[in-house]
PDB file of N, CA and C in Angstrom:
ATOM      1  N   MET A   1       0.830  -1.195   0.000  1.00  0.00           N
ATOM      2  CA  MET A   1       0.000   0.000   0.000  1.00  0.00           C
ATOM      3  C   MET A   1       0.873   1.256   0.000  1.00  0.00           C
ATOM      4  N   ARG A   2       2.056   1.161   0.632  1.00  0.00           N
ATOM      5  CA  ARG A   2       2.946   2.320   0.667  1.00  0.00           C
ATOM      6  C   ARG A   2       3.480   2.617  -0.740  1.00  0.00           C
ATOM      7  N   VAL A   3       3.637   1.575  -1.531  1.00  0.00           N
ATOM      8  CA  VAL A   3       4.058   1.776  -2.933  1.00  0.00           C
ATOM      9  C   VAL A   3       2.973   2.527  -3.678  1.00  0.00           C
ATOM     10  N   PHE A   4       1.734   2.077  -3.538  1.00  0.00           N
ATOM     11  CA  PHE A   4       0.625   2.758  -4.206  1.00  0.00           C
ATOM     12  C   PHE A   4       0.491   4.195  -3.716  1.00  0.00           C
ATOM     13  N   SER A   5       0.733   4.404  -2.459  1.00  0.00           N
ATOM     14  CA  SER A   5       0.655   5.742  -1.893  1.00  0.00           C
ATOM     15  C   SER A   5       1.694   6.656  -2.533  1.00  0.00           C
ATOM     16  N   LEU A   6       2.918   6.150  -2.673  1.00  0.00           N
ATOM     17  CA  LEU A   6       3.974   6.941  -3.315  1.00  0.00           C
ATOM     18  C   LEU A   6       3.623   7.222  -4.770  1.00  0.00           C
ATOM     19  N   VAL A   7       3.156   6.200  -5.459  1.00  0.00           N
ATOM     20  CA  VAL A   7       2.796   6.366  -6.876  1.00  0.00           C
ATOM     21  C   VAL A   7       1.700   7.409  -7.019  1.00  0.00           C
ATOM     22  N   ALA A   8       0.690   7.343  -6.169  1.00  0.00           N
ATOM     23  CA  ALA A   8      -0.412   8.308  -6.231  1.00  0.00           C
ATOM     24  C   ALA A   8       0.094   9.721  -5.977  1.00  0.00           C
ATOM     25  N   ALA A   9       0.950   9.885  -4.979  1.00  0.00           N
ATOM     26  CA  ALA A   9       1.465  11.220  -4.654  1.00  0.00           C
ATOM     27  C   ALA A   9       2.314  11.762  -5.792  1.00  0.00           C
ATOM     28  N   LEU A  10       3.155  10.901  -6.354  1.00  0.00           N
ATOM     29  CA  LEU A  10       4.007  11.358  -7.461  1.00  0.00           C
ATOM     30  C   LEU A  10       3.186  11.688  -8.698  1.00  0.00           C
ATOM     31  N   LYS A  11       2.166  10.886  -8.973  1.00  0.00           N
ATOM     32  CA  LYS A  11       1.308  11.182 -10.122  1.00  0.00           C
ATOM     33  C   LYS A  11       0.583  12.510  -9.941  1.00  0.00           C
ATOM     34  N   LYS A  12       0.107  12.757  -8.735  1.00  0.00           N
ATOM     35  CA  LYS A  12      -0.584  14.024  -8.466  1.00  0.00           C
ATOM     36  C   LYS A  12       0.357  15.204  -8.632  1.00  0.00           C
ATOM     37  N   SER A  13       1.643  14.994  -8.363  1.00  0.00           N
ATOM     38  CA  SER A  13       2.610  16.091  -8.493  1.00  0.00           C
ATOM     39  C   SER A  13       3.117  16.245  -9.926  1.00  0.00           C
ATOM     40  N   GLY A  14       2.654  15.362 -10.825  1.00  0.00           N
ATOM     41  CA  GLY A  14       3.026  15.490 -12.237  1.00  0.00           C
ATOM     42  C   GLY A  14       4.264  14.700 -12.622  1.00  0.00           C
ATOM     43  N   ALA A  15       4.717  13.801 -11.773  1.00  0.00           N
ATOM     44  CA  ALA A  15       5.896  12.994 -12.081  1.00  0.00           C
ATOM     45  C   ALA A  15       5.608  12.067 -13.259  1.00  0.00           C
ATOM     46  N   THR A  16       6.657  11.796 -14.035  1.00  0.00           N
ATOM     47  CA  THR A  16       6.523  10.867 -15.153  1.00  0.00           C
ATOM     48  C   THR A  16       6.648   9.442 -14.636  1.00  0.00           C
ATOM     49  N   ASN A  17       6.276   8.495 -15.475  1.00  0.00           N
ATOM     50  CA  ASN A  17       6.417   7.086 -15.086  1.00  0.00           C
ATOM     51  C   ASN A  17       7.875   6.757 -14.796  1.00  0.00           C
ATOM     52  N   GLU A  18       8.774   7.343 -15.573  1.00  0.00           N
ATOM     53  CA  GLU A  18      10.205   7.101 -15.344  1.00  0.00           C
ATOM     54  C   GLU A  18      10.621   7.618 -13.965  1.00  0.00           C
ATOM     55  N   ASP A  19      10.128   8.800 -13.599  1.00  0.00           N
ATOM     56  CA  ASP A  19      10.431   9.350 -12.267  1.00  0.00           C
ATOM     57  C   ASP A  19       9.917   8.418 -11.170  1.00  0.00           C
ATOM     58  N   ILE A  20       8.722   7.891 -11.381  1.00  0.00           N
ATOM     59  CA  ILE A  20       8.115   6.997 -10.393  1.00  0.00           C
ATOM     60  C   ILE A  20       8.944   5.722 -10.266  1.00  0.00           C
ATOM     61  N   HIS A  21       9.342   5.170 -11.402  1.00  0.00           N
ATOM     62  CA  HIS A  21      10.149   3.946 -11.374  1.00  0.00           C
ATOM     63  C   HIS A  21      11.485   4.189 -10.663  1.00  0.00           C
ATOM     64  N   LEU A  22      12.096   5.329 -10.936  1.00  0.00           N
ATOM     65  CA  LEU A  22      13.365   5.657 -10.272  1.00  0.00           C
ATOM     66  C   LEU A  22      13.165   5.791  -8.762  1.00  0.00           C
ATOM     67  N   ALA A  23      12.085   6.426  -8.360  1.00  0.00           N
ATOM     68  CA  ALA A  23      11.815   6.588  -6.928  1.00  0.00           C
ATOM     69  C   ALA A  23      11.615   5.236  -6.257  1.00  0.00           C
ATOM     70  N   LEU A  24      10.869   4.370  -6.904  1.00  0.00           N
ATOM     71  CA  LEU A  24      10.633   3.041  -6.337  1.00  0.00           C
ATOM     72  C   LEU A  24      11.922   2.233  -6.304  1.00  0.00           C
ATOM     73  N   ALA A  25      12.722   2.341  -7.384  1.00  0.00           N
ATOM     74  CA  ALA A  25      13.979   1.597  -7.431  1.00  0.00           C
ATOM     75  C   ALA A  25      14.957   2.060  -6.344  1.00  0.00           C
ATOM     76  N   SER A  26      14.849   3.328  -5.967  1.00  0.00           N
ATOM     77  CA  SER A  26      15.749   3.844  -4.926  1.00  0.00           C
ATOM     78  C   SER A  26      15.229   3.527  -3.517  1.00  0.00           C
ATOM     79  N   GLY A  27      14.084   2.858  -3.444  1.00  0.00           N
ATOM     80  CA  GLY A  27      13.567   2.434  -2.137  1.00  0.00           C
ATOM     81  C   GLY A  27      12.547   3.369  -1.514  1.00  0.00           C
ATOM     82  N   GLN A  28      12.176   4.409  -2.219  1.00  0.00           N
ATOM     83  CA  GLN A  28      11.194   5.338  -1.648  1.00  0.00           C
ATOM     84  C   GLN A  28       9.835   4.666  -1.530  1.00  0.00           C
ATOM     85  N   ARG A  29       9.134   5.019  -0.490  1.00  0.00           N
ATOM     86  CA  ARG A  29       7.776   4.545  -0.283  1.00  0.00           C
ATOM     87  C   ARG A  29       6.964   5.694   0.289  1.00  0.00           C
ATOM     88  N   GLY A  30       5.684   5.636   0.087  1.00  0.00           N
ATOM     89  CA  GLY A  30       4.818   6.694   0.583  1.00  0.00           C
ATOM     90  C   GLY A  30       4.272   6.379   1.956  1.00  0.00           C
ATOM     91  N   ASP A  31       3.535   7.344   2.468  1.00  0.00           N
ATOM     92  CA  ASP A  31       2.870   7.153   3.753  1.00  0.00           C
ATOM     93  C   ASP A  31       1.606   6.347   3.537  1.00  0.00           C
ATOM     94  N   LEU A  32       1.276   5.566   4.514  1.00  0.00           N
ATOM     95  CA  LEU A  32       0.037   4.806   4.407  1.00  0.00           C
ATOM     96  C   LEU A  32      -1.131   5.774   4.442  1.00  0.00           C
ATOM     97  N   LEU A  33      -1.927   5.705   3.426  1.00  0.00           N
ATOM     98  CA  LEU A  33      -3.113   6.555   3.338  1.00  0.00           C
ATOM     99  C   LEU A  33      -4.341   5.668   3.402  1.00  0.00           C
ATOM    100  N   ASP A  34      -5.378   6.263   3.790  1.00  0.00           N
ATOM    101  CA  ASP A  34      -6.636   5.538   3.827  1.00  0.00           C
ATOM    102  C   ASP A  34      -7.264   5.679   2.447  1.00  0.00           C
ATOM    103  N   MET A  35      -6.937   4.727   1.555  1.00  0.00           N
ATOM    104  CA  MET A  35      -7.443   4.779   0.186  1.00  0.00           C
ATOM    105  C   MET A  35      -8.541   3.738   0.018  1.00  0.00           C
ATOM    106  N   HIS A  36      -9.553   4.157  -0.664  1.00  0.00           N
ATOM    107  CA  HIS A  36     -10.655   3.249  -0.991  1.00  0.00           C
ATOM    108  C   HIS A  36     -10.142   2.267  -2.052  1.00  0.00           C
ATOM    109  N   PRO A  37     -10.583   1.013  -2.019  1.00  0.00           N
ATOM    110  CA  PRO A  37     -10.130   0.038  -3.020  1.00  0.00           C
ATOM    111  C   PRO A  37     -10.363   0.490  -4.451  1.00  0.00           C
ATOM    112  N   ASP A  38     -11.438   1.237  -4.686  1.00  0.00           N
ATOM    113  CA  ASP A  38     -11.697   1.744  -6.036  1.00  0.00           C
ATOM    114  C   ASP A  38     -10.605   2.716  -6.478  1.00  0.00           C
ATOM    115  N   GLU A  39     -10.094   3.509  -5.537  1.00  0.00           N
ATOM    116  CA  GLU A  39      -9.013   4.444  -5.861  1.00  0.00           C
ATOM    117  C   GLU A  39      -7.735   3.681  -6.208  1.00  0.00           C
ATOM    118  N   VAL A  40      -7.465   2.629  -5.448  1.00  0.00           N
ATOM    119  CA  VAL A  40      -6.287   1.801  -5.734  1.00  0.00           C
ATOM    120  C   VAL A  40      -6.437   1.163  -7.108  1.00  0.00           C
ATOM    121  N   HIS A  41      -7.617   0.634  -7.384  1.00  0.00           N
ATOM    122  CA  HIS A  41      -7.872   0.009  -8.683  1.00  0.00           C
ATOM    123  C   HIS A  41      -7.700   1.021  -9.817  1.00  0.00           C
ATOM    124  N   ALA A  42      -8.229   2.224  -9.649  1.00  0.00           N
ATOM    125  CA  ALA A  42      -8.120   3.264 -10.680  1.00  0.00           C
ATOM    126  C   ALA A  42      -6.657   3.614 -10.933  1.00  0.00           C
ATOM    127  N   LEU A  43      -5.886   3.655  -9.868  1.00  0.00           N
ATOM    128  CA  LEU A  43      -4.462   3.962  -9.998  1.00  0.00           C
ATOM    129  C   LEU A  43      -3.754   2.887 -10.811  1.00  0.00           C
ATOM    130  N   VAL A  44      -4.009   1.641 -10.491  1.00  0.00           N
ATOM    131  CA  VAL A  44      -3.378   0.525 -11.205  1.00  0.00           C
ATOM    132  C   VAL A  44      -3.838   0.498 -12.654  1.00  0.00           C
ATOM    133  N   VAL A  45      -5.129   0.677 -12.870  1.00  0.00           N
ATOM    134  CA  VAL A  45      -5.671   0.650 -14.218  1.00  0.00           C
ATOM    135  C   VAL A  45      -5.079   1.778 -15.052  1.00  0.00           C
ATOM    136  N   SER A  46      -4.885   2.955 -14.462  1.00  0.00           N
ATOM    137  CA  SER A  46      -4.336   4.065 -15.244  1.00  0.00           C
ATOM    138  C   SER A  46      -2.922   3.744 -15.710  1.00  0.00           C
ATOM    139  N   ASP A  47      -2.126   3.057 -14.876  1.00  0.00           N
ATOM    140  CA  ASP A  47      -0.787   2.631 -15.307  1.00  0.00           C
ATOM    141  C   ASP A  47      -0.882   1.653 -16.462  1.00  0.00           C
ATOM    142  N   HIS A  48      -1.814   0.695 -16.351  1.00  0.00           N
ATOM    143  CA  HIS A  48      -1.993  -0.282 -17.420  1.00  0.00           C
ATOM    144  C   HIS A  48      -2.506   0.391 -18.683  1.00  0.00           C
ATOM    145  N   ALA A  49      -3.420   1.324 -18.519  1.00  0.00           N
ATOM    146  CA  ALA A  49      -3.965   2.036 -19.672  1.00  0.00           C
ATOM    147  C   ALA A  49      -2.860   2.807 -20.382  1.00  0.00           C
ATOM    148  N   GLN A  50      -1.983   3.440 -19.620  1.00  0.00           N
ATOM    149  CA  GLN A  50      -0.872   4.176 -20.219  1.00  0.00           C
ATOM    150  C   GLN A  50       0.069   3.216 -20.944  1.00  0.00           C
ATOM    151  N   ALA A  51       0.330   2.072 -20.340  1.00  0.00           N
ATOM    152  CA  ALA A  51       1.202   1.076 -20.974  1.00  0.00           C
ATOM    153  C   ALA A  51       0.580   0.567 -22.264  1.00  0.00           C
ATOM    154  N   VAL A  52      -0.724   0.327 -22.246  1.00  0.00           N
ATOM    155  CA  VAL A  52      -1.426  -0.138 -23.450  1.00  0.00           C
ATOM    156  C   VAL A  52      -1.371   0.940 -24.528  1.00  0.00           C
ATOM    157  N   LEU A  53      -1.599   2.186 -24.142  1.00  0.00           N
ATOM    158  CA  LEU A  53      -1.536   3.281 -25.106  1.00  0.00           C
ATOM    159  C   LEU A  53      -0.146   3.384 -25.717  1.00  0.00           C
ATOM    160  N   THR A  54       0.878   3.283 -24.887  1.00  0.00           N
ATOM    161  CA  THR A  54       2.253   3.338 -25.382  1.00  0.00           C
ATOM    162  C   THR A  54       2.515   2.190 -26.349  1.00  0.00           C
ATOM    163  N   LEU A  55       2.051   1.000 -26.006  1.00  0.00           N
ATOM    164  CA  LEU A  55       2.237  -0.147 -26.897  1.00  0.00           C
ATOM    165  C   LEU A  55       1.482   0.029 -28.208  1.00  0.00           C
ATOM    166  N   LYS A  56       0.271   0.566 -28.140  1.00  0.00           N
ATOM    167  CA  LYS A  56      -0.501   0.808 -29.362  1.00  0.00           C
ATOM    168  C   LYS A  56       0.218   1.807 -30.265  1.00  0.00           C
ATOM    169  N   GLN A  57       0.779   2.851 -29.668  1.00  0.00           N
ATOM    170  CA  GLN A  57       1.520   3.841 -30.455  1.00  0.00           C
ATOM    171  C   GLN A  57       2.745   3.199 -31.098  1.00  0.00           C
ATOM    172  N   ARG A  58       3.448   2.360 -30.358  1.00  0.00           N
ATOM    173  CA  ARG A  58       4.624   1.677 -30.891  1.00  0.00           C
ATOM    174  C   ARG A  58       4.237   0.734 -32.021  1.00  0.00           C
ATOM    175  N   ILE A  59       3.096   0.053 -31.866  1.00  0.00           N
ATOM    176  CA  ILE A  59       2.604  -0.834 -32.921  1.00  0.00           C
ATOM    177  C   ILE A  59       2.303  -0.037 -34.183  1.00  0.00           C
ATOM    178  N   GLU A  60       1.688   1.132 -34.036  1.00  0.00           N
ATOM    179  CA  GLU A  60       1.374   1.974 -35.193  1.00  0.00           C
ATOM    180  C   GLU A  60       2.652   2.398 -35.914  1.00  0.00           C
ATOM    181  N   VAL A  61       3.669   2.783 -35.147  1.00  0.00           N
ATOM    182  CA  VAL A  61       4.953   3.178 -35.743  1.00  0.00           C
ATOM    183  C   VAL A  61       5.561   1.991 -36.488  1.00  0.00           C
ATOM    184  N   LEU A  62       5.531   0.815 -35.868  1.00  0.00           N
ATOM    185  CA  LEU A  62       6.092  -0.378 -36.502  1.00  0.00           C
ATOM    186  C   LEU A  62       5.324  -0.754 -37.769  1.00  0.00           C
ATOM    187  N   GLN A  63       4.005  -0.552 -37.752  1.00  0.00           N
ATOM    188  CA  GLN A  63       3.212  -0.851 -38.949  1.00  0.00           C
ATOM    189  C   GLN A  63       3.586   0.086 -40.092  1.00  0.00           C
ATOM    190  N   VAL A  64       3.797   1.357 -39.782  1.00  0.00           N
ATOM    191  CA  VAL A  64       4.219   2.317 -40.816  1.00  0.00           C
ATOM    192  C   VAL A  64       5.581   1.914 -41.361  1.00  0.00           C
ATOM    193  N   GLU A  65       6.507   1.580 -40.462  1.00  0.00           N
ATOM    194  CA  GLU A  65       7.843   1.160 -40.897  1.00  0.00           C
ATOM    195  C   GLU A  65       7.763  -0.113 -41.740  1.00  0.00           C
ATOM    196  N   ARG A  66       6.898  -1.051 -41.342  1.00  0.00           N
ATOM    197  CA  ARG A  66       6.723  -2.293 -42.091  1.00  0.00           C
ATOM    198  C   ARG A  66       6.187  -1.996 -43.491  1.00  0.00           C
ATOM    199  N   ASN A  67       5.179  -1.125 -43.576  1.00  0.00           N
ATOM    200  CA  ASN A  67       4.611  -0.788 -44.878  1.00  0.00           C
ATOM    201  C   ASN A  67       5.634  -0.113 -45.776  1.00  0.00           C
ATOM    202  N   GLU A  68       6.463   0.756 -45.205  1.00  0.00           N
ATOM    203  CA  GLU A  68       7.520   1.395 -45.988  1.00  0.00           C
ATOM    204  C   GLU A  68       8.523   0.358 -46.477  1.00  0.00           C
ATOM    205  N   ALA A  69       8.879  -0.574 -45.607  1.00  0.00           N
ATOM    206  CA  ALA A  69       9.822  -1.630 -45.988  1.00  0.00           C
ATOM    207  C   ALA A  69       9.239  -2.502 -47.094  1.00  0.00           C
ATOM    208  N   LEU A  70       7.956  -2.823 -46.993  1.00  0.00           N
ATOM    209  CA  LEU A  70       7.304  -3.622 -48.025  1.00  0.00           C
ATOM    210  C   LEU A  70       7.262  -2.873 -49.352  1.00  0.00           C
ATOM    211  N   SER A  71       7.059  -1.569 -49.286  1.00  0.00           N
ATOM    212  CA  SER A  71       7.061  -0.759 -50.502  1.00  0.00           C
ATOM    213  C   SER A  71       8.438  -0.776 -51.161  1.00  0.00           C
ATOM    214  N   HIS A  72       9.479  -0.618 -50.349  1.00  0.00           N
ATOM    215  CA  HIS A  72      10.849  -0.669 -50.879  1.00  0.00           C
ATOM    216  C   HIS A  72      11.150  -2.059 -51.452  1.00  0.00           C
ATOM    217  N   LEU A  73      10.685  -3.084 -50.769  1.00  0.00           N
ATOM    218  CA  LEU A  73      10.893  -4.449 -51.241  1.00  0.00           C
ATOM    219  C   LEU A  73      10.213  -4.661 -52.591  1.00  0.00           C
ATOM    220  N   GLN A  74       8.993  -4.165 -52.737  1.00  0.00           N
ATOM    221  CA  GLN A  74       8.276  -4.331 -53.999  1.00  0.00           C
ATOM    222  C   GLN A  74       8.996  -3.599 -55.127  1.00  0.00           C
ATOM    223  N   LYS A  75       9.495  -2.391 -54.832  1.00  0.00           N
ATOM    224  CA  LYS A  75      10.251  -1.646 -55.851  1.00  0.00           C
ATOM    225  C   LYS A  75      11.501  -2.417 -56.256  1.00  0.00           C
ATOM    226  N   ALA A  76      12.179  -3.005 -55.271  1.00  0.00           N
ATOM    227  CA  ALA A  76      13.383  -3.786 -55.557  1.00  0.00           C
ATOM    228  C   ALA A  76      13.032  -5.021 -56.393  1.00  0.00           C
ATOM    229  N   ARG A  77      11.912  -5.670 -56.074  1.00  0.00           N
ATOM    230  CA  ARG A  77      11.485  -6.832 -56.865  1.00  0.00           C
ATOM    231  C   ARG A  77      11.170  -6.434 -58.296  1.00  0.00           C
ATOM    232  N   ASP A  78      10.456  -5.312 -58.461  1.00  0.00           N
ATOM    233  CA  ASP A  78      10.127  -4.840 -59.803  1.00  0.00           C
ATOM    234  C   ASP A  78      11.391  -4.542 -60.597  1.00  0.00           C
ATOM    235  N   GLU A  79      12.350  -3.871 -59.946  1.00  0.00           N
ATOM    236  CA  GLU A  79      13.613  -3.558 -60.619  1.00  0.00           C
ATOM    237  C   GLU A  79      14.366  -4.845 -60.960  1.00  0.00           C
ATOM    238  N   ASN A  80      14.347  -5.799 -60.052  1.00  0.00           N
ATOM    239  CA  ASN A  80      15.011  -7.081 -60.301  1.00  0.00           C
ATOM    240  C   ASN A  80      14.384  -7.788 -61.499  1.00  0.00           C
ATOM    241  N   ASN A  81      13.056  -7.786 -61.567  1.00  0.00           N
ATOM    242  CA  ASN A  81      12.367  -8.409 -62.707  1.00  0.00           C
ATOM    243  C   ASN A  81      12.719  -7.711 -64.019  1.00  0.00           C
ATOM    244  N   GLN A  82      12.800  -6.383 -63.968  1.00  0.00           N
ATOM    245  CA  GLN A  82      13.155  -5.631 -65.174  1.00  0.00           C
ATOM    246  C   GLN A  82      14.586  -5.960 -65.602  1.00  0.00           C
ATOM    247  N   LEU A  83      15.507  -6.000 -64.641  1.00  0.00           N
ATOM    248  CA  LEU A  83      16.894  -6.334 -64.957  1.00  0.00           C
ATOM    249  C   LEU A  83      17.014  -7.759 -65.482  1.00  0.00           C
ATOM    250  N   HIS A  84      16.219  -8.659 -64.924  1.00  0.00           N
ATOM    251  CA  HIS A  84      16.224 -10.044 -65.397  1.00  0.00           C
ATOM    252  C   HIS A  84      15.754 -10.095 -66.852  1.00  0.00           C
ATOM    253  N   GLY A  85      14.713  -9.323 -67.166  1.00  0.00           N
ATOM    254  CA  GLY A  85      14.236  -9.253 -68.554  1.00  0.00           C
ATOM    255  C   GLY A  85      15.287  -8.676 -69.479  1.00  0.00           C
ATOM    256  N   ASN A  86      15.984  -7.610 -69.009  1.00  0.00           N
ATOM    257  CA  ASN A  86      17.051  -7.011 -69.818  1.00  0.00           C
ATOM    258  C   ASN A  86      18.180  -8.011 -70.051  1.00  0.00           C
ATOM    259  N   LEU A  87      18.532  -8.756 -69.006  1.00  0.00           N
ATOM    260  CA  LEU A  87      19.599  -9.750 -69.132  1.00  0.00           C
ATOM    261  C   LEU A  87      19.219 -10.821 -70.132  1.00  0.00           C
ATOM    262  N   LYS A  88      17.970 -11.257 -70.114  1.00  0.00           N
ATOM    263  CA  LYS A  88      17.518 -12.274 -71.075  1.00  0.00           C
ATOM    264  C   LYS A  88      17.605 -11.736 -72.498  1.00  0.00           C
ATOM    265  N   ALA A  89      17.183 -10.490 -72.683  1.00  0.00           N
ATOM    266  CA  ALA A  89      17.246  -9.908 -74.022  1.00  0.00           C
ATOM    267  C   ALA A  89      18.692  -9.804 -74.504  1.00  0.00           C
ATOM    268  N   ILE A  90      19.601  -9.389 -73.635  1.00  0.00           N
ATOM    269  CA  ILE A  90      21.018  -9.278 -74.000  1.00  0.00           C
ATOM    270  C   ILE A  90      21.592 -10.663 -74.287  1.00  0.00           C
ATOM    271  N   THR A  91      21.220 -11.648 -73.478  1.00  0.00           N
ATOM    272  CA  THR A  91      21.693 -13.021 -73.702  1.00  0.00           C
ATOM    273  C   THR A  91      21.204 -13.534 -75.055  1.00  0.00           C
ATOM    274  N   ASP A  92      19.956 -13.258 -75.382  1.00  0.00           N
ATOM    275  CA  ASP A  92      19.415 -13.674 -76.689  1.00  0.00           C
ATOM    276  C   ASP A  92      20.172 -12.998 -77.828  1.00  0.00           C
ATOM    277  N   GLN A  93      20.470 -11.698 -77.670  1.00  0.00           N
ATOM    278  CA  GLN A  93      21.225 -10.974 -78.709  1.00  0.00           C
ATOM    279  C   GLN A  93      22.636 -11.545 -78.849  1.00  0.00           C
ATOM    280  N   LEU A  94      23.271 -11.851 -77.705  1.00  0.00           N
ATOM    281  CA  LEU A  94      24.616 -12.419 -77.723  1.00  0.00           C
ATOM    282  C   LEU A  94      24.617 -13.783 -78.404  1.00  0.00           C
ATOM    283  N   ASN A  95      23.637 -14.614 -78.081  1.00  0.00           N
ATOM    284  CA  ASN A  95      23.544 -15.928 -78.723  1.00  0.00           C
ATOM    285  C   ASN A  95      23.327 -15.800 -80.225  1.00  0.00           C
ATOM    286  N   ALA A  96      22.508 -14.834 -80.629  1.00  0.00           N
ATOM    287  CA  ALA A  96      22.286 -14.602 -82.065  1.00  0.00           C
ATOM    288  C   ALA A  96      23.568 -14.135 -82.732  1.00  0.00           C
ATOM    289  N   ALA A  97      24.312 -13.243 -82.061  1.00  0.00           N
ATOM    290  CA  ALA A  97      25.581 -12.760 -82.612  1.00  0.00           C
ATOM    291  C   ALA A  97      26.592 -13.904 -82.712  1.00  0.00           C
ATOM    292  N   LEU A  98      26.650 -14.752 -81.697  1.00  0.00           N
ATOM    293  CA  LEU A  98      27.564 -15.900 -81.731  1.00  0.00           C
ATOM    294  C   LEU A  98      27.199 -16.857 -82.856  1.00  0.00           C
ATOM    295  N   ALA A  99      25.920 -17.038 -83.083  1.00  0.00           N
ATOM    296  CA  ALA A  99      25.475 -17.901 -84.188  1.00  0.00           C
ATOM    297  C   ALA A  99      25.900 -17.306 -85.528  1.00  0.00           C
ATOM    298  N   LYS A 100      25.790 -15.982 -85.675  1.00  0.00           N
ATOM    299  CA  LYS A 100      26.220 -15.322 -86.919  1.00  0.00           C
ATOM    300  C   LYS A 100      27.729 -15.454 -87.094  1.00  0.00           C
ATOM    301  N   ILE A 101      28.471 -15.273 -86.025  1.00  0.00           N
ATOM    302  CA  ILE A 101      29.930 -15.409 -86.087  1.00  0.00           C
ATOM    303  C   ILE A 101      30.298 -16.828 -86.500  1.00  0.00           C
ATOM    304  N   ASP A 102      29.620 -17.813 -85.913  1.00  0.00           N
ATOM    305  CA  ASP A 102      29.884 -19.203 -86.265  1.00  0.00           C
ATOM    306  C   ASP A 102      29.576 -19.443 -87.742  1.00  0.00           C
ATOM    307  N   LYS A 103      28.453 -18.902 -88.208  1.00  0.00           N
ATOM    308  CA  LYS A 103      28.072 -19.049 -89.613  1.00  0.00           C
ATOM    309  C   LYS A 103      29.106 -18.379 -90.517  1.00  0.00           C
ATOM    310  N   LEU A 104      29.558 -17.181 -90.139  1.00  0.00           N
ATOM    311  CA  LEU A 104      30.572 -16.472 -90.930  1.00  0.00           C
ATOM    312  C   LEU A 104      31.897 -17.232 -90.921  1.00  0.00           C
ATOM    313  N   ASN A 105      32.269 -17.800 -89.777  1.00  0.00           N
ATOM    314  CA  ASN A 105      33.505 -18.583 -89.709  1.00  0.00           C
ATOM    315  C   ASN A 105      33.431 -19.801 -90.622  1.00  0.00           C
ATOM    316  N   ARG A 106      32.279 -20.464 -90.670  1.00  0.00           N
ATOM    317  CA  ARG A 106      32.115 -21.609 -91.572  1.00  0.00           C
ATOM    318  C   ARG A 106      32.212 -21.147 -93.025  1.00  0.00           C
ATOM    319  N   GLU A 107      31.611 -19.997 -93.319  1.00  0.00           N
ATOM    320  CA  GLU A 107      31.659 -19.450 -94.688  1.00  0.00           C
ATOM    321  C   GLU A 107      33.097 -19.100 -95.063  1.00  0.00           C
ATOM    322  N   ILE A 108      33.821 -18.483 -94.104  1.00  0.00           N
ATOM    323  CA  ILE A 108      35.227 -18.156 -94.346  1.00  0.00           C
ATOM    324  C   ILE A 108      36.015 -19.437 -94.601  1.00  0.00           C
ATOM    325  N   GLY A 109      35.727 -20.463 -93.798  1.00  0.00           N
ATOM    326  CA  GLY A 109      36.408 -21.751 -93.984  1.00  0.00           C
ATOM    327  C   GLY A 109      36.147 -22.327 -95.363  1.00  0.00           C
ATOM    328  N   ARG A 110      34.916 -22.221 -95.861  1.00  0.00           N
ATOM    329  CA  ARG A 110      34.587 -22.724 -97.207  1.00  0.00           C
ATOM    330  C   ARG A 110      35.310 -21.918 -98.276  1.00  0.00           C
ATOM    331  N   LEU A 111      35.331 -20.594 -98.076  1.00  0.00           N
ATOM    332  CA  LEU A 111      36.002 -19.744 -99.070  1.00  0.00           C
ATOM    333  C   LEU A 111      37.496 -20.026 -99.090  1.00  0.00           C
ATOM    334  N   GLU A 112      38.098 -20.209 -97.925  1.00  0.00           N
ATOM    335  CA  GLU A 112      39.525 -20.516 -97.866  1.00  0.00           C
ATOM    336  C   GLU A 112      39.799 -21.870 -98.520  1.00  0.00           C
ATOM    337  N   SER A 113      38.885 -22.818 -98.287  1.00  0.00           N
ATOM    338  CA  SER A 113      39.046 -24.148 -98.883  1.00  0.00           C
ATOM    339  C   SER A 113      38.968 -24.058-100.396  1.00  0.00           C
ATOM    340  N   ARG A 114      38.079 -23.266-100.948  1.00  0.00           N
ATOM    341  CA  ARG A 114      37.957 -23.064-102.387  1.00  0.00           C
ATOM    342  C   ARG A 114      39.204 -22.423-102.951  1.00  0.00           C
ATOM    343  N   MET A 115      39.702 -21.414-102.194  1.00  0.00           N
ATOM    344  CA  MET A 115      40.895 -20.709-102.674  1.00  0.00           C
ATOM    345  C   MET A 115      42.095 -21.649-102.689  1.00  0.00           C
ATOM    346  N   ASP A 116      42.157 -22.531-101.686  1.00  0.00           N
ATOM    347  CA  ASP A 116      43.268 -23.470-101.633  1.00  0.00           C
ATOM    348  C   ASP A 116      43.174 -24.484-102.756  1.00  0.00           C
ATOM    349  N   ASN A 117      41.938 -24.836-103.164  1.00  0.00           N
ATOM    350  CA  ASN A 117      41.726 -25.825-104.222  1.00  0.00           C
ATOM    351  C   ASN A 117      41.966 -25.206-105.590  1.00  0.00           C
ATOM    352  N   ASP A 118      41.822 -23.936-105.697  1.00  0.00           N
ATOM    353  CA  ASP A 118      41.974 -23.284-107.023  1.00  0.00           C
ATOM    354  C   ASP A 118      43.382 -23.075-107.350  1.00  0.00           C
TER     355      ASP A 118
END
């Protein structure tokens, strides 16, 4: 009850949750007050409500960060697909050029063979 008393007094004075935690960690305790159980419950619930609100805010921030990351990932995938398509087109052109070179080399070989026979 002395812990709740200290927490209530610090909250009334405008202390932050961090200030309250530091006070409790240093061993501070409040005076025993005649508090109604509903007041104690309200005090505990307000701490939980604040914690829930903080967690909800953190979840919202994480969701925004996740959506941004997914957007960047999709852009990277699109770029990767485009580069893959470009690579395929270049590979096809290279294969066609190699086929022409091979055909020209065979033609050169035939012409050289004719010249040697003449």
